[in-house]
């Protein structure tokens, strides 16, 4: 770990390998205010089969999480954390020549003059040892504007969450394209009180996964404490069951539904 001034910075690393001894074990980069367990912090890295970001906004508060599932046995990948003021943006990519993909931007404020930053490995299990190897670790003062993600191919004028059901497909021409599903789902989640952290759970988790065995277009699958995004392009024979809600660009014929503001 490094102690550095609490100012703007860009931290980058490549996770070369990681033995994920437990489902929630992780390896990546972190910035935190204190060294105690419940310190405000932001982490982005690799966890089992996914890029993973977790943050705690205030001392002793519950942490929040967001995942991007990559469907691979290879636990390597690039991660980057950018700090501008109180905003932290976590980015990831699989290949060095690939474009950085924004996973999440969060606000974690601190009036402390210094903070702790560096590489992190956690087994999430006191009886198991997790190991990881890193390369190309760097941290530098931020002197340029934040990284911008690729411009989406489509920006829906309105987004509607259709009622769940055994068949929950959007009408023809009203589906959200695969490339825009993540952005559409995040818009719905961030603009509706319904998708805020549930009080009975420690965190609100968003998992993104290509569920090719349930081809239902772009939808949110509500598991009460988890929200899974499916982004298959095919919508033939959709069976999303009673918890699957399609994200469409037109409202359903009846029943009040969630929409972006």
C-alpha atoms as a PDB file:
ATOM      1  CA  UNK A   1       0.000   0.000   0.000  1.00  0.00           C
ATOM      2  CA  UNK A   2       0.985   3.638  -0.429  1.00  0.00           C
ATOM      3  CA  UNK A   3       0.151   6.719   1.587  1.00  0.00           C
ATOM      4  CA  UNK A   4      -0.478   9.712  -0.644  1.00  0.00           C
ATOM      5  CA  UNK A   5      -2.173  13.115  -0.544  1.00  0.00           C
ATOM      6  CA  UNK A   6      -5.938  13.039  -0.833  1.00  0.00           C
ATOM      7  CA  UNK A   7      -6.014  14.636  -4.264  1.00  0.00           C
ATOM      8  CA  UNK A   8      -6.865  13.616  -7.825  1.00  0.00           C
ATOM      9  CA  UNK A   9      -5.118  10.545  -9.204  1.00  0.00           C
ATOM     10  CA  UNK A  10      -5.269   7.700 -11.726  1.00  0.00           C
ATOM     11  CA  UNK A  11      -4.316   4.200 -10.551  1.00  0.00           C
ATOM     12  CA  UNK A  12      -3.950   1.294 -12.987  1.00  0.00           C
ATOM     13  CA  UNK A  13      -2.909  -2.355 -12.721  1.00  0.00           C
ATOM     14  CA  UNK A  14      -3.094  -5.660 -14.573  1.00  0.00           C
ATOM     15  CA  UNK A  15      -4.236  -8.709 -12.608  1.00  0.00           C
ATOM     16  CA  UNK A  16      -2.022 -11.415 -14.127  1.00  0.00           C
ATOM     17  CA  UNK A  17      -3.474 -14.334 -12.178  1.00  0.00           C
ATOM     18  CA  UNK A  18      -5.695 -14.970  -9.187  1.00  0.00           C
ATOM     19  CA  UNK A  19      -6.713 -18.130  -7.339  1.00  0.00           C
ATOM     20  CA  UNK A  20     -10.253 -17.367  -6.267  1.00  0.00           C
ATOM     21  CA  UNK A  21     -10.452 -19.685  -3.272  1.00  0.00           C
ATOM     22  CA  UNK A  22     -13.930 -18.415  -2.408  1.00  0.00           C
ATOM     23  CA  UNK A  23     -16.818 -16.929  -4.368  1.00  0.00           C
ATOM     24  CA  UNK A  24     -16.237 -13.445  -2.942  1.00  0.00           C
ATOM     25  CA  UNK A  25     -12.431 -13.497  -2.950  1.00  0.00           C
ATOM     26  CA  UNK A  26     -11.003 -10.593  -4.935  1.00  0.00           C
ATOM     27  CA  UNK A  27      -7.802  -9.051  -6.266  1.00  0.00           C
ATOM     28  CA  UNK A  28      -7.365  -5.527  -7.578  1.00  0.00           C
ATOM     29  CA  UNK A  29      -6.697  -1.928  -6.577  1.00  0.00           C
ATOM     30  CA  UNK A  30      -8.144   0.114  -3.727  1.00  0.00           C
ATOM     31  CA  UNK A  31      -8.232   3.614  -2.269  1.00  0.00           C
ATOM     32  CA  UNK A  32      -9.335   3.997   1.350  1.00  0.00           C
ATOM     33  CA  UNK A  33      -9.391   6.692   4.021  1.00  0.00           C
ATOM     34  CA  UNK A  34      -8.302   4.582   7.005  1.00  0.00           C
ATOM     35  CA  UNK A  35      -6.877   1.086   7.549  1.00  0.00           C
ATOM     36  CA  UNK A  36      -9.713  -0.113   9.794  1.00  0.00           C
ATOM     37  CA  UNK A  37     -12.236  -2.646   8.453  1.00  0.00           C
ATOM     38  CA  UNK A  38     -15.146  -0.211   8.147  1.00  0.00           C
ATOM     39  CA  UNK A  39     -13.245   2.629   6.472  1.00  0.00           C
ATOM     40  CA  UNK A  40     -14.696   4.528   3.511  1.00  0.00           C
ATOM     41  CA  UNK A  41     -13.095   2.973   0.439  1.00  0.00           C
ATOM     42  CA  UNK A  42     -13.381   2.165  -3.276  1.00  0.00           C
ATOM     43  CA  UNK A  43     -12.109  -1.066  -4.852  1.00  0.00           C
ATOM     44  CA  UNK A  44     -12.136  -2.408  -8.408  1.00  0.00           C
ATOM     45  CA  UNK A  45     -10.642  -5.719  -9.461  1.00  0.00           C
ATOM     46  CA  UNK A  46     -11.294  -9.315 -10.370  1.00  0.00           C
ATOM     47  CA  UNK A  47     -13.461 -11.787  -8.538  1.00  0.00           C
ATOM     48  CA  UNK A  48     -14.692 -15.180  -9.695  1.00  0.00           C
ATOM     49  CA  UNK A  49     -15.532 -14.853 -13.399  1.00  0.00           C
ATOM     50  CA  UNK A  50     -16.197 -11.129 -13.208  1.00  0.00           C
ATOM     51  CA  UNK A  51     -14.885  -7.623 -12.793  1.00  0.00           C
ATOM     52  CA  UNK A  52     -16.017  -6.361  -9.424  1.00  0.00           C
ATOM     53  CA  UNK A  53     -16.359  -2.942  -7.798  1.00  0.00           C
ATOM     54  CA  UNK A  54     -17.219  -2.322  -4.156  1.00  0.00           C
ATOM     55  CA  UNK A  55     -17.308   0.927  -2.200  1.00  0.00           C
ATOM     56  CA  UNK A  56     -18.263   2.282   1.231  1.00  0.00           C
ATOM     57  CA  UNK A  57     -19.342   5.912   1.299  1.00  0.00           C
ATOM     58  CA  UNK A  58     -19.055   6.565   5.047  1.00  0.00           C
ATOM     59  CA  UNK A  59     -17.325   5.070   8.076  1.00  0.00           C
ATOM     60  CA  UNK A  60     -19.234   2.047   9.475  1.00  0.00           C
ATOM     61  CA  UNK A  61     -21.818   2.162   6.660  1.00  0.00           C
ATOM     62  CA  UNK A  62     -22.735  -0.850   4.545  1.00  0.00           C
ATOM     63  CA  UNK A  63     -20.748  -1.435   1.377  1.00  0.00           C
ATOM     64  CA  UNK A  64     -22.318  -1.424  -2.088  1.00  0.00           C
ATOM     65  CA  UNK A  65     -21.262  -3.520  -5.073  1.00  0.00           C
ATOM     66  CA  UNK A  66     -21.562  -3.809  -8.838  1.00  0.00           C
ATOM     67  CA  UNK A  67     -20.336  -6.671 -11.051  1.00  0.00           C
ATOM     68  CA  UNK A  68     -19.649  -7.248 -14.717  1.00  0.00           C
ATOM     69  CA  UNK A  69     -19.591 -10.967 -15.543  1.00  0.00           C
ATOM     70  CA  UNK A  70     -17.174 -11.884 -18.323  1.00  0.00           C
ATOM     71  CA  UNK A  71     -17.835 -15.638 -18.685  1.00  0.00           C
ATOM     72  CA  UNK A  72     -14.241 -16.790 -18.607  1.00  0.00           C
ATOM     73  CA  UNK A  73     -12.062 -19.070 -16.525  1.00  0.00           C
ATOM     74  CA  UNK A  74      -9.208 -16.612 -16.981  1.00  0.00           C
ATOM     75  CA  UNK A  75      -9.075 -14.380 -13.907  1.00  0.00           C
ATOM     76  CA  UNK A  76      -6.741 -11.815 -15.486  1.00  0.00           C
ATOM     77  CA  UNK A  77      -7.647  -8.343 -16.686  1.00  0.00           C
ATOM     78  CA  UNK A  78      -6.914  -4.627 -16.556  1.00  0.00           C
ATOM     79  CA  UNK A  79      -8.456  -2.334 -13.930  1.00  0.00           C
ATOM     80  CA  UNK A  80      -8.270   1.405 -13.397  1.00  0.00           C
ATOM     81  CA  UNK A  81      -9.480   3.764 -10.679  1.00  0.00           C
ATOM     82  CA  UNK A  82      -9.743   7.488 -11.368  1.00  0.00           C
ATOM     83  CA  UNK A  83     -10.329  10.040  -8.598  1.00  0.00           C
ATOM     84  CA  UNK A  84     -11.541  13.551  -9.441  1.00  0.00           C
ATOM     85  CA  UNK A  85     -12.649  15.465  -6.357  1.00  0.00           C
ATOM     86  CA  UNK A  86     -14.946  13.112  -4.440  1.00  0.00           C
ATOM     87  CA  UNK A  87     -15.816  11.092  -7.572  1.00  0.00           C
ATOM     88  CA  UNK A  88     -14.227   7.699  -8.151  1.00  0.00           C
ATOM     89  CA  UNK A  89     -14.657   5.963 -11.503  1.00  0.00           C
ATOM     90  CA  UNK A  90     -13.817   2.291 -11.933  1.00  0.00           C
ATOM     91  CA  UNK A  91     -12.856   0.982 -15.389  1.00  0.00           C
ATOM     92  CA  UNK A  92     -11.968  -2.446 -16.744  1.00  0.00           C
ATOM     93  CA  UNK A  93     -10.857  -4.179 -19.915  1.00  0.00           C
ATOM     94  CA  UNK A  94      -9.676  -7.681 -20.777  1.00  0.00           C
ATOM     95  CA  UNK A  95      -7.007  -6.946 -23.398  1.00  0.00           C
ATOM     96  CA  UNK A  96      -4.325  -4.247 -23.228  1.00  0.00           C
ATOM     97  CA  UNK A  97      -5.307  -2.867 -26.632  1.00  0.00           C
ATOM     98  CA  UNK A  98      -9.006  -2.785 -25.722  1.00  0.00           C
ATOM     99  CA  UNK A  99     -10.969   0.320 -24.752  1.00  0.00           C
ATOM    100  CA  UNK A 100     -11.597   1.106 -21.106  1.00  0.00           C
ATOM    101  CA  UNK A 101     -15.163   0.306 -20.059  1.00  0.00           C
ATOM    102  CA  UNK A 102     -16.700   2.321 -17.229  1.00  0.00           C
ATOM    103  CA  UNK A 103     -18.171   0.050 -14.578  1.00  0.00           C
ATOM    104  CA  UNK A 104     -19.398   2.692 -12.130  1.00  0.00           C
ATOM    105  CA  UNK A 105     -18.807   6.228 -10.851  1.00  0.00           C
ATOM    106  CA  UNK A 106     -19.416   6.755  -7.128  1.00  0.00           C
ATOM    107  CA  UNK A 107     -19.042   9.569  -4.606  1.00  0.00           C
ATOM    108  CA  UNK A 108     -16.934   8.922  -1.503  1.00  0.00           C
ATOM    109  CA  UNK A 109     -15.962  12.112   0.335  1.00  0.00           C
ATOM    110  CA  UNK A 110     -13.159  12.562   2.860  1.00  0.00           C
ATOM    111  CA  UNK A 111     -11.668  15.604   4.545  1.00  0.00           C
ATOM    112  CA  UNK A 112      -8.543  13.715   5.618  1.00  0.00           C
ATOM    113  CA  UNK A 113      -5.328  15.184   4.135  1.00  0.00           C
ATOM    114  CA  UNK A 114      -3.950  11.749   3.169  1.00  0.00           C
ATOM    115  CA  UNK A 115      -5.306   8.384   2.058  1.00  0.00           C
ATOM    116  CA  UNK A 116      -4.111   4.821   1.451  1.00  0.00           C
ATOM    117  CA  UNK A 117      -3.936   3.355  -2.054  1.00  0.00           C
ATOM    118  CA  UNK A 118      -2.474   0.223  -3.608  1.00  0.00           C
ATOM    119  CA  UNK A 119      -2.915  -3.437  -4.542  1.00  0.00           C
ATOM    120  CA  UNK A 120      -5.373  -5.643  -2.679  1.00  0.00           C
ATOM    121  CA  UNK A 121      -5.923  -9.415  -2.350  1.00  0.00           C
ATOM    122  CA  UNK A 122      -8.685 -10.815  -0.145  1.00  0.00           C
ATOM    123  CA  UNK A 123      -9.710 -14.455   0.341  1.00  0.00           C
ATOM    124  CA  UNK A 124     -12.971 -13.495   2.108  1.00  0.00           C
ATOM    125  CA  UNK A 125     -12.304 -16.599   4.231  1.00  0.00           C
ATOM    126  CA  UNK A 126     -10.107 -16.680   7.322  1.00  0.00           C
ATOM    127  CA  UNK A 127      -9.359 -20.364   6.710  1.00  0.00           C
ATOM    128  CA  UNK A 128      -8.163 -19.981   3.108  1.00  0.00           C
ATOM    129  CA  UNK A 129      -5.245 -18.200   1.462  1.00  0.00           C
ATOM    130  CA  UNK A 130      -5.789 -16.265  -1.769  1.00  0.00           C
ATOM    131  CA  UNK A 131      -2.853 -15.285  -3.953  1.00  0.00           C
ATOM    132  CA  UNK A 132      -2.556 -13.012  -6.960  1.00  0.00           C
ATOM    133  CA  UNK A 133       0.129 -11.661  -9.242  1.00  0.00           C
ATOM    134  CA  UNK A 134       0.057  -8.144 -10.674  1.00  0.00           C
ATOM    135  CA  UNK A 135       1.963  -6.209 -13.293  1.00  0.00           C
ATOM    136  CA  UNK A 136       2.041  -2.706 -14.774  1.00  0.00           C
ATOM    137  CA  UNK A 137       0.927  -1.081 -11.530  1.00  0.00           C
ATOM    138  CA  UNK A 138       1.039   2.701 -11.706  1.00  0.00           C
ATOM    139  CA  UNK A 139      -0.383   5.680  -9.867  1.00  0.00           C
ATOM    140  CA  UNK A 140      -0.084   9.243 -11.069  1.00  0.00           C
ATOM    141  CA  UNK A 141      -1.585  12.611 -10.345  1.00  0.00           C
ATOM    142  CA  UNK A 142      -4.590  13.296 -12.536  1.00  0.00           C
ATOM    143  CA  UNK A 143      -3.931  16.226 -14.846  1.00  0.00           C
ATOM    144  CA  UNK A 144      -6.388  15.401 -17.618  1.00  0.00           C
ATOM    145  CA  UNK A 145     -10.125  14.932 -17.982  1.00  0.00           C
ATOM    146  CA  UNK A 146     -11.651  11.586 -16.933  1.00  0.00           C
ATOM    147  CA  UNK A 147     -11.621   8.623 -19.318  1.00  0.00           C
ATOM    148  CA  UNK A 148     -14.670   8.602 -21.547  1.00  0.00           C
ATOM    149  CA  UNK A 149     -16.456   5.388 -22.436  1.00  0.00           C
ATOM    150  CA  UNK A 150     -17.382   4.599 -26.052  1.00  0.00           C
ATOM    151  CA  UNK A 151     -20.430   6.484 -27.312  1.00  0.00           C
ATOM    152  CA  UNK A 152     -23.461   4.150 -27.224  1.00  0.00           C
ATOM    153  CA  UNK A 153     -25.020   3.188 -30.521  1.00  0.00           C
ATOM    154  CA  UNK A 154     -28.492   4.152 -29.323  1.00  0.00           C
ATOM    155  CA  UNK A 155     -29.885   6.341 -26.554  1.00  0.00           C
ATOM    156  CA  UNK A 156     -33.489   5.379 -25.797  1.00  0.00           C
ATOM    157  CA  UNK A 157     -35.837   8.364 -25.330  1.00  0.00           C
ATOM    158  CA  UNK A 158     -37.743   6.422 -22.653  1.00  0.00           C
ATOM    159  CA  UNK A 159     -37.222   3.139 -20.865  1.00  0.00           C
ATOM    160  CA  UNK A 160     -39.940   1.006 -19.324  1.00  0.00           C
ATOM    161  CA  UNK A 161     -39.713  -2.078 -17.150  1.00  0.00           C
ATOM    162  CA  UNK A 162     -42.392  -4.488 -18.328  1.00  0.00           C
ATOM    163  CA  UNK A 163     -44.244  -6.703 -15.844  1.00  0.00           C
ATOM    164  CA  UNK A 164     -42.561 -10.028 -15.177  1.00  0.00           C
ATOM    165  CA  UNK A 165     -44.107 -13.170 -16.548  1.00  0.00           C
ATOM    166  CA  UNK A 166     -43.512 -16.454 -18.295  1.00  0.00           C
ATOM    167  CA  UNK A 167     -43.183 -14.526 -21.569  1.00  0.00           C
ATOM    168  CA  UNK A 168     -42.001 -10.976 -21.158  1.00  0.00           C
ATOM    169  CA  UNK A 169     -40.795  -9.905 -24.589  1.00  0.00           C
ATOM    170  CA  UNK A 170     -40.843  -6.350 -25.911  1.00  0.00           C
ATOM    171  CA  UNK A 171     -42.994  -5.619 -28.974  1.00  0.00           C
ATOM    172  CA  UNK A 172     -41.233  -5.643 -32.322  1.00  0.00           C
ATOM    173  CA  UNK A 173     -38.954  -2.632 -32.662  1.00  0.00           C
ATOM    174  CA  UNK A 174     -39.133  -1.785 -28.931  1.00  0.00           C
ATOM    175  CA  UNK A 175     -36.224  -3.901 -27.636  1.00  0.00           C
ATOM    176  CA  UNK A 176     -33.024  -2.363 -26.289  1.00  0.00           C
ATOM    177  CA  UNK A 177     -29.987  -3.436 -28.381  1.00  0.00           C
ATOM    178  CA  UNK A 178     -27.329  -5.591 -26.753  1.00  0.00           C
ATOM    179  CA  UNK A 179     -24.727  -2.796 -26.821  1.00  0.00           C
ATOM    180  CA  UNK A 180     -27.025  -0.493 -24.843  1.00  0.00           C
ATOM    181  CA  UNK A 181     -28.476  -2.946 -22.311  1.00  0.00           C
ATOM    182  CA  UNK A 182     -26.047  -2.149 -19.500  1.00  0.00           C
ATOM    183  CA  UNK A 183     -26.565   1.603 -19.874  1.00  0.00           C
ATOM    184  CA  UNK A 184     -30.347   1.168 -20.034  1.00  0.00           C
ATOM    185  CA  UNK A 185     -30.440  -1.013 -16.922  1.00  0.00           C
ATOM    186  CA  UNK A 186     -28.241   1.413 -14.977  1.00  0.00           C
ATOM    187  CA  UNK A 187     -30.523   4.298 -15.968  1.00  0.00           C
ATOM    188  CA  UNK A 188     -33.545   2.441 -14.633  1.00  0.00           C
ATOM    189  CA  UNK A 189     -31.784   1.457 -11.419  1.00  0.00           C
ATOM    190  CA  UNK A 190     -30.331   4.882 -10.691  1.00  0.00           C
ATOM    191  CA  UNK A 191     -33.571   6.761 -11.419  1.00  0.00           C
ATOM    192  CA  UNK A 192     -35.977   4.688  -9.360  1.00  0.00           C
ATOM    193  CA  UNK A 193     -36.335   4.329  -5.593  1.00  0.00           C
ATOM    194  CA  UNK A 194     -37.417   0.733  -6.176  1.00  0.00           C
ATOM    195  CA  UNK A 195     -33.851  -0.266  -7.059  1.00  0.00           C
ATOM    196  CA  UNK A 196     -32.111   1.276  -4.073  1.00  0.00           C
ATOM    197  CA  UNK A 197     -30.357  -0.975  -1.553  1.00  0.00           C
ATOM    198  CA  UNK A 198     -32.804  -3.224   0.242  1.00  0.00           C
ATOM    199  CA  UNK A 199     -32.674  -2.518   4.004  1.00  0.00           C
ATOM    200  CA  UNK A 200     -32.483  -6.202   4.941  1.00  0.00           C
ATOM    201  CA  UNK A 201     -29.245  -6.766   2.995  1.00  0.00           C
ATOM    202  CA  UNK A 202     -25.723  -5.415   3.322  1.00  0.00           C
ATOM    203  CA  UNK A 203     -25.387  -4.371  -0.288  1.00  0.00           C
ATOM    204  CA  UNK A 204     -27.098  -3.828  -3.599  1.00  0.00           C
ATOM    205  CA  UNK A 205     -25.533  -6.020  -6.279  1.00  0.00           C
ATOM    206  CA  UNK A 206     -25.885  -5.609 -10.020  1.00  0.00           C
ATOM    207  CA  UNK A 207     -24.672  -8.560 -12.086  1.00  0.00           C
ATOM    208  CA  UNK A 208     -24.345  -8.368 -15.863  1.00  0.00           C
ATOM    209  CA  UNK A 209     -24.412 -11.694 -17.678  1.00  0.00           C
ATOM    210  CA  UNK A 210     -25.135 -13.072 -21.126  1.00  0.00           C
ATOM    211  CA  UNK A 211     -27.701 -15.721 -20.236  1.00  0.00           C
ATOM    212  CA  UNK A 212     -27.683 -17.529 -23.574  1.00  0.00           C
ATOM    213  CA  UNK A 213     -29.930 -20.240 -22.182  1.00  0.00           C
ATOM    214  CA  UNK A 214     -32.737 -17.725 -21.551  1.00  0.00           C
ATOM    215  CA  UNK A 215     -32.798 -15.561 -24.701  1.00  0.00           C
ATOM    216  CA  UNK A 216     -35.017 -12.730 -23.541  1.00  0.00           C
ATOM    217  CA  UNK A 217     -33.392  -9.614 -24.926  1.00  0.00           C
ATOM    218  CA  UNK A 218     -32.518  -6.911 -22.400  1.00  0.00           C
ATOM    219  CA  UNK A 219     -34.138  -7.517 -19.031  1.00  0.00           C
ATOM    220  CA  UNK A 220     -33.665  -7.268 -15.285  1.00  0.00           C
ATOM    221  CA  UNK A 221     -33.981 -10.449 -13.272  1.00  0.00           C
ATOM    222  CA  UNK A 222     -34.956  -9.582  -9.700  1.00  0.00           C
ATOM    223  CA  UNK A 223     -33.710 -11.968  -7.012  1.00  0.00           C
ATOM    224  CA  UNK A 224     -34.753  -9.576  -4.229  1.00  0.00           C
ATOM    225  CA  UNK A 225     -31.194  -8.624  -3.241  1.00  0.00           C
ATOM    226  CA  UNK A 226     -29.633  -9.120  -6.694  1.00  0.00           C
ATOM    227  CA  UNK A 227     -30.472  -7.586 -10.066  1.00  0.00           C
ATOM    228  CA  UNK A 228     -29.140  -9.586 -13.018  1.00  0.00           C
ATOM    229  CA  UNK A 229     -29.022  -8.061 -16.506  1.00  0.00           C
ATOM    230  CA  UNK A 230     -29.440 -10.267 -19.534  1.00  0.00           C
ATOM    231  CA  UNK A 231     -28.272  -8.814 -22.841  1.00  0.00           C
ATOM    232  CA  UNK A 232     -28.897 -11.488 -25.460  1.00  0.00           C
ATOM    233  CA  UNK A 233     -29.782 -10.148 -28.890  1.00  0.00           C
ATOM    234  CA  UNK A 234     -32.230 -12.914 -29.758  1.00  0.00           C
ATOM    235  CA  UNK A 235     -35.715 -12.722 -28.257  1.00  0.00           C
ATOM    236  CA  UNK A 236     -37.140 -15.879 -29.817  1.00  0.00           C
ATOM    237  CA  UNK A 237     -38.984 -18.111 -27.357  1.00  0.00           C
ATOM    238  CA  UNK A 238     -38.290 -15.894 -24.366  1.00  0.00           C
ATOM    239  CA  UNK A 239     -38.966 -17.504 -20.986  1.00  0.00           C
ATOM    240  CA  UNK A 240     -37.962 -15.054 -18.266  1.00  0.00           C
ATOM    241  CA  UNK A 241     -40.192 -16.673 -15.597  1.00  0.00           C
ATOM    242  CA  UNK A 242     -42.013 -14.681 -12.940  1.00  0.00           C
ATOM    243  CA  UNK A 243     -38.975 -12.582 -11.889  1.00  0.00           C
ATOM    244  CA  UNK A 244     -37.799 -11.469 -15.330  1.00  0.00           C
ATOM    245  CA  UNK A 245     -38.706  -7.921 -16.418  1.00  0.00           C
ATOM    246  CA  UNK A 246     -37.946  -6.844 -19.978  1.00  0.00           C
ATOM    247  CA  UNK A 247     -36.597  -3.334 -20.570  1.00  0.00           C
ATOM    248  CA  UNK A 248     -38.494  -1.827 -23.513  1.00  0.00           C
ATOM    249  CA  UNK A 249     -38.702   1.563 -25.189  1.00  0.00           C
ATOM    250  CA  UNK A 250     -42.520   1.585 -25.180  1.00  0.00           C
ATOM    251  CA  UNK A 251     -44.860   1.198 -22.202  1.00  0.00           C
ATOM    252  CA  UNK A 252     -46.872  -1.993 -21.690  1.00  0.00           C
ATOM    253  CA  UNK A 253     -50.550  -1.849 -22.652  1.00  0.00           C
ATOM    254  CA  UNK A 254     -51.683  -1.641 -19.030  1.00  0.00           C
ATOM    255  CA  UNK A 255     -50.411  -1.553 -15.466  1.00  0.00           C
ATOM    256  CA  UNK A 256     -48.197   1.154 -13.996  1.00  0.00           C
ATOM    257  CA  UNK A 257     -44.499   0.419 -14.501  1.00  0.00           C
ATOM    258  CA  UNK A 258     -41.134   1.930 -13.680  1.00  0.00           C
ATOM    259  CA  UNK A 259     -39.542   4.290 -16.190  1.00  0.00           C
ATOM    260  CA  UNK A 260     -36.639   6.691 -16.389  1.00  0.00           C
ATOM    261  CA  UNK A 261     -37.153  10.297 -15.377  1.00  0.00           C
END
